[in-house]
N, C-alpha and C. Protein backbone atom coordinates (compact mmCIF):
# COMPACT_ATOMS: atom_id res chain seq x y z
N UNK A 1 6.05 -17.22 -11.16
CA UNK A 1 6.90 -16.11 -11.05
C UNK A 1 6.67 -14.79 -10.38
N UNK A 2 7.59 -14.48 -9.46
CA UNK A 2 7.20 -13.46 -7.91
C UNK A 2 7.81 -12.03 -9.03
N UNK A 3 6.89 -11.05 -8.94
CA UNK A 3 7.86 -9.68 -9.23
C UNK A 3 7.19 -8.90 -8.22
N UNK A 4 8.03 -7.74 -8.15
CA UNK A 4 7.64 -6.58 -7.02
C UNK A 4 7.06 -5.14 -7.66
N UNK A 5 5.92 -4.62 -7.34
CA UNK A 5 5.57 -3.47 -7.92
C UNK A 5 5.71 -2.62 -7.32
N UNK A 6 6.00 -1.07 -7.30
CA UNK A 6 5.99 -0.39 -6.31
C UNK A 6 5.28 1.15 -6.99
N UNK A 7 4.62 1.20 -5.38
CA UNK A 7 3.79 2.38 -5.28
C UNK A 7 3.73 3.37 -4.15
N UNK A 8 3.39 4.64 -5.00
CA UNK A 8 3.91 5.95 -4.37
C UNK A 8 2.91 6.96 -3.99
N UNK A 9 2.79 8.16 -2.68
CA UNK A 9 1.98 8.63 -2.62
C UNK A 9 2.24 9.82 -1.28
N UNK A 10 2.11 11.30 -1.34
CA UNK A 10 2.69 11.65 -0.62
C UNK A 10 0.87 12.37 -0.08
N UNK A 11 1.09 12.26 1.35
CA UNK A 11 -0.03 12.59 2.25
C UNK A 11 -0.44 13.06 3.55
N UNK A 12 -0.47 14.35 3.28
CA UNK A 12 -0.48 14.77 4.73
C UNK A 12 1.09 15.16 5.64
N UNK A 13 1.58 15.65 4.63
CA UNK A 13 2.86 15.71 4.67
C UNK A 13 3.81 14.43 4.74
N UNK A 14 3.40 13.35 4.70
CA UNK A 14 4.28 12.02 4.84
C UNK A 14 4.19 11.09 3.42
N UNK A 15 5.05 10.37 3.25
CA UNK A 15 5.63 9.47 2.12
C UNK A 15 4.96 8.60 2.33
N UNK A 16 4.08 7.81 2.02
CA UNK A 16 2.95 6.46 1.98
C UNK A 16 3.77 5.69 0.48
N UNK A 17 4.57 4.88 0.70
CA UNK A 17 5.22 3.66 -0.51
C UNK A 17 4.64 2.42 0.01
N UNK A 18 4.20 1.69 -1.24
CA UNK A 18 3.55 0.04 -0.91
C UNK A 18 4.29 -0.33 -2.18
N UNK A 19 4.96 -2.07 -1.48
CA UNK A 19 5.27 -3.04 -2.70
C UNK A 19 4.38 -4.05 -2.65
N UNK A 20 3.92 -4.43 -3.90
CA UNK A 20 3.46 -5.75 -3.69
C UNK A 20 4.18 -7.01 -4.66
N UNK A 21 4.29 -7.75 -3.77
CA UNK A 21 4.99 -8.63 -4.31
C UNK A 21 4.04 -9.96 -4.79
N UNK A 22 3.96 -10.16 -6.29
CA UNK A 22 3.17 -11.18 -6.73
C UNK A 22 3.92 -12.40 -6.69
N UNK A 23 2.72 -13.67 -7.11
CA UNK A 23 3.22 -15.07 -6.78
C UNK A 23 2.61 -16.10 -6.54
N UNK A 24 2.72 -17.60 -6.07
CA UNK A 24 1.65 -17.65 -5.02
C UNK A 24 1.08 -17.32 -4.11
N UNK A 25 2.00 -16.47 -3.07
CA UNK A 25 0.70 -16.02 -1.96
C UNK A 25 1.71 -14.44 -2.08
N UNK A 26 1.09 -14.03 -2.57
CA UNK A 26 1.14 -12.31 -2.65
C UNK A 26 1.84 -11.46 -1.44
N UNK A 27 2.31 -10.53 -1.29
CA UNK A 27 3.23 -10.12 -0.14
C UNK A 27 2.86 -8.56 -0.32
N UNK A 28 2.37 -7.86 0.58
CA UNK A 28 2.10 -6.06 0.73
C UNK A 28 2.90 -5.86 1.78
N UNK A 29 3.87 -4.92 1.39
CA UNK A 29 4.43 -4.06 2.40
C UNK A 29 4.46 -2.60 2.49
N UNK A 30 4.24 -1.88 3.51
CA UNK A 30 3.74 -0.56 3.24
C UNK A 30 4.63 0.22 4.20
N UNK A 31 5.27 1.33 3.62
CA UNK A 31 6.40 2.04 4.14
C UNK A 31 6.14 3.32 4.50
N UNK A 32 6.12 3.89 5.79
CA UNK A 32 5.80 5.57 6.23
C UNK A 32 7.19 6.22 6.48
N UNK A 33 7.58 7.30 5.21
CA UNK A 33 8.26 8.27 5.62
C UNK A 33 9.74 7.55 5.92
N UNK A 34 9.95 6.05 5.23
CA UNK A 34 11.10 4.82 4.47
C UNK A 34 10.91 3.68 5.59
N UNK A 35 9.94 3.87 6.33
CA UNK A 35 10.35 2.46 7.73
C UNK A 35 8.95 2.09 7.12
N UNK A 36 8.99 0.51 7.50
CA UNK A 36 8.08 -0.33 7.38
C UNK A 36 7.09 -0.09 8.63
N UNK A 37 5.83 -0.16 8.47
CA UNK A 37 5.11 0.26 9.19
C UNK A 37 3.65 -0.81 9.10
N UNK A 38 3.87 -1.45 7.74
CA UNK A 38 2.49 -2.69 8.02
C UNK A 38 3.05 -3.48 6.40
N UNK A 39 2.41 -4.89 6.84
CA UNK A 39 2.89 -6.14 6.41
C UNK A 39 1.69 -7.15 5.97
N UNK A 40 1.55 -7.59 5.17
CA UNK A 40 0.30 -8.71 4.69
C UNK A 40 0.55 -9.53 4.11
N UNK A 41 0.11 -10.68 4.16
CA UNK A 41 -0.13 -11.60 2.78
C UNK A 41 -1.54 -12.12 2.52
N UNK A 42 -1.39 -12.37 1.40
CA UNK A 42 -2.75 -12.71 0.76
C UNK A 42 -2.88 -13.72 0.07
N UNK A 43 -4.29 -14.52 -0.62
CA UNK A 43 -3.98 -15.90 -1.34
C UNK A 43 -4.60 -15.02 -2.96
N UNK A 44 -3.46 -15.21 -3.81
CA UNK A 44 -4.19 -15.65 -5.02
C UNK A 44 -4.27 -13.60 -6.05
N UNK A 45 -5.64 -13.74 -6.33
CA UNK A 45 -5.93 -11.86 -6.51
C UNK A 45 -6.32 -11.20 -5.77
N UNK A 46 -6.98 -11.53 -4.31
CA UNK A 46 -7.64 -11.29 -3.56
C UNK A 46 -6.81 -9.96 -2.75
N UNK A 47 -8.01 -8.86 -2.64
CA UNK A 47 -7.33 -7.56 -2.33
C UNK A 47 -7.39 -7.72 -0.60
N UNK A 48 -6.58 -7.00 -0.15
CA UNK A 48 -6.03 -7.04 1.14
C UNK A 48 -5.83 -5.79 1.52
N UNK A 49 -6.30 -5.13 2.95
CA UNK A 49 -6.18 -3.62 3.27
C UNK A 49 -4.65 -4.17 4.80
N UNK A 50 -4.08 -3.08 4.68
CA UNK A 50 -3.32 -2.65 5.69
C UNK A 50 -3.18 -1.42 6.24
N UNK A 51 -3.51 -1.33 7.42
CA UNK A 51 -3.68 -0.29 8.49
C UNK A 51 -2.38 0.17 8.59
N UNK A 52 -2.17 1.51 8.98
CA UNK A 52 -1.05 2.00 8.90
C UNK A 52 -1.54 3.61 9.51
N UNK A 53 -0.65 3.85 10.71
CA UNK A 53 -0.37 5.48 10.86
C UNK A 53 0.41 6.34 10.86
N UNK A 54 0.14 7.46 10.47
CA UNK A 54 1.06 8.58 10.07
C UNK A 54 1.56 9.17 11.45
N UNK A 55 2.83 9.57 11.27
CA UNK A 55 3.41 10.25 12.79
C UNK A 55 2.92 11.17 13.04
N UNK A 56 1.62 11.86 12.85
CA UNK A 56 1.65 13.32 13.53
C UNK A 56 1.14 13.50 14.68
N UNK A 57 0.76 14.60 15.24
CA UNK A 57 0.14 14.99 16.96
C UNK A 57 -1.18 15.36 16.32
N UNK A 58 -1.95 14.84 16.87
CA UNK A 58 -2.32 13.17 16.94
C UNK A 58 -1.67 12.45 15.56
N UNK A 59 -1.99 11.00 15.78
CA UNK A 59 -1.48 10.29 14.30
C UNK A 59 -2.64 10.29 13.94
N UNK A 60 -2.32 10.13 12.81
CA UNK A 60 -3.06 9.65 11.18
C UNK A 60 -3.24 8.34 11.05
N UNK A 61 -4.92 7.75 11.26
CA UNK A 61 -4.42 6.79 10.55
C UNK A 61 -4.99 6.61 9.34
N UNK A 62 -4.43 5.61 8.25
CA UNK A 62 -4.93 5.60 7.31
C UNK A 62 -4.74 4.03 6.61
N UNK A 63 -5.26 3.34 5.89
CA UNK A 63 -5.44 2.33 5.20
C UNK A 63 -4.84 2.02 3.64
N UNK A 64 -3.61 1.12 3.51
CA UNK A 64 -3.94 0.87 2.16
C UNK A 64 -4.30 -0.20 1.45
N UNK A 65 -5.56 0.15 0.41
CA UNK A 65 -5.79 -1.73 -0.31
C UNK A 65 -5.08 -1.33 -1.43
N UNK A 66 -4.48 -3.13 -1.50
CA UNK A 66 -3.83 -3.52 -2.38
C UNK A 66 -4.11 -4.29 -3.33
N UNK A 67 -5.00 -5.07 -4.62
CA UNK A 67 -4.87 -5.64 -5.75
C UNK A 67 -4.04 -6.03 -6.12
N UNK A 68 -3.44 -7.04 -5.65
CA UNK A 68 -2.55 -8.22 -6.41
C UNK A 68 -2.60 -8.52 -7.89
N UNK A 69 -4.52 -8.55 -8.62
CA UNK A 69 -4.04 -9.10 -10.15
C UNK A 69 -5.92 -9.31 -10.20
N UNK A 70 -6.60 -9.46 -11.21
CA UNK A 70 -5.81 -10.29 -12.09
C UNK A 70 -4.69 -9.02 -12.79
N UNK A 71 -3.63 -9.27 -13.86
CA UNK A 71 -3.01 -8.04 -14.44
C UNK A 71 -1.87 -7.85 -13.51
N UNK A 72 -1.72 -6.29 -13.77
CA UNK A 72 -0.99 -5.47 -12.97
C UNK A 72 -1.88 -5.08 -11.60
N UNK A 73 -0.73 -5.29 -10.39
CA UNK A 73 -1.46 -4.85 -9.45
C UNK A 73 -1.81 -3.43 -9.31
N UNK A 74 -2.31 -3.25 -8.27
CA UNK A 74 -2.96 -1.93 -7.85
C UNK A 74 -3.23 -1.02 -6.47
N UNK A 75 -2.94 0.28 -6.16
CA UNK A 75 -2.96 0.47 -4.72
C UNK A 75 -3.81 1.20 -4.49
N UNK A 76 -4.40 1.64 -3.13
CA UNK A 76 -5.50 3.17 -2.95
C UNK A 76 -5.55 3.52 -1.62
N UNK A 77 -4.86 4.47 -1.67
CA UNK A 77 -4.72 5.31 -0.11
C UNK A 77 -6.47 5.42 0.30
N UNK A 78 -6.63 4.89 1.73
CA UNK A 78 -7.88 5.06 2.05
C UNK A 78 -7.59 6.33 3.10
N UNK A 79 -8.00 6.95 3.21
CA UNK A 79 -8.12 7.99 4.40
C UNK A 79 -9.50 8.69 5.13
N UNK A 80 -10.19 8.67 6.31
CA UNK A 80 -11.40 9.07 6.78
C UNK A 80 -11.53 10.44 6.15
N UNK A 81 -12.65 10.91 5.86
CA UNK A 81 -12.61 12.25 5.47
C UNK A 81 -12.80 12.80 4.01
N UNK A 82 -12.19 11.52 3.22
CA UNK A 82 -11.02 11.25 1.56
C UNK A 82 -11.96 10.91 0.68
N UNK A 83 -11.65 11.40 -0.43
CA UNK A 83 -12.19 10.39 -1.45
C UNK A 83 -10.87 9.17 -1.43
N UNK A 84 -10.74 8.29 -2.14
CA UNK A 84 -9.90 7.09 -1.97
C UNK A 84 -8.77 7.64 -3.13
N UNK A 85 -7.41 7.73 -2.72
CA UNK A 85 -6.62 8.11 -3.64
C UNK A 85 -5.65 6.90 -4.56
N UNK A 86 -5.73 6.81 -5.66
CA UNK A 86 -5.21 6.20 -6.43
C UNK A 86 -3.70 6.11 -5.78
N UNK A 87 -2.72 5.13 -5.88
CA UNK A 87 -1.28 5.42 -5.88
C UNK A 87 -0.61 5.04 -6.96
N UNK A 88 0.08 5.95 -7.70
CA UNK A 88 0.37 5.55 -9.09
C UNK A 88 1.87 4.78 -8.86
N UNK A 89 1.84 3.73 -9.67
CA UNK A 89 2.81 3.38 -9.98
C UNK A 89 4.43 3.58 -10.11
N UNK A 90 5.34 2.81 -9.31
CA UNK A 90 6.37 3.89 -10.05
C UNK A 90 7.32 2.32 -9.94
N UNK A 91 8.92 2.73 -11.01
CA UNK A 91 9.80 1.96 -11.01
C UNK A 91 10.61 1.50 -9.65
N UNK A 92 11.24 0.74 -9.72
CA UNK A 92 11.91 0.36 -8.40
C UNK A 92 13.20 1.55 -8.30
């Protein structure tokens, strides 16, 4: 059974959202400021990292690491020179 889980965090003045769709082939979509900028699939409960750029001058490279399971999915924002930041889950 497929379920969608939504995560969000603000970073460097930009909105970063992730949707993790669980099921046989989990799918992770990452949006920056409301636009899809990254998309990956994985197998089972294997973590996956999606690299994206924040539209700044110069662009800021960040990554979202999603873990589809076991249990409730989790997402973490990874940015150079910063501690990893857990992205809180949000209702759809």
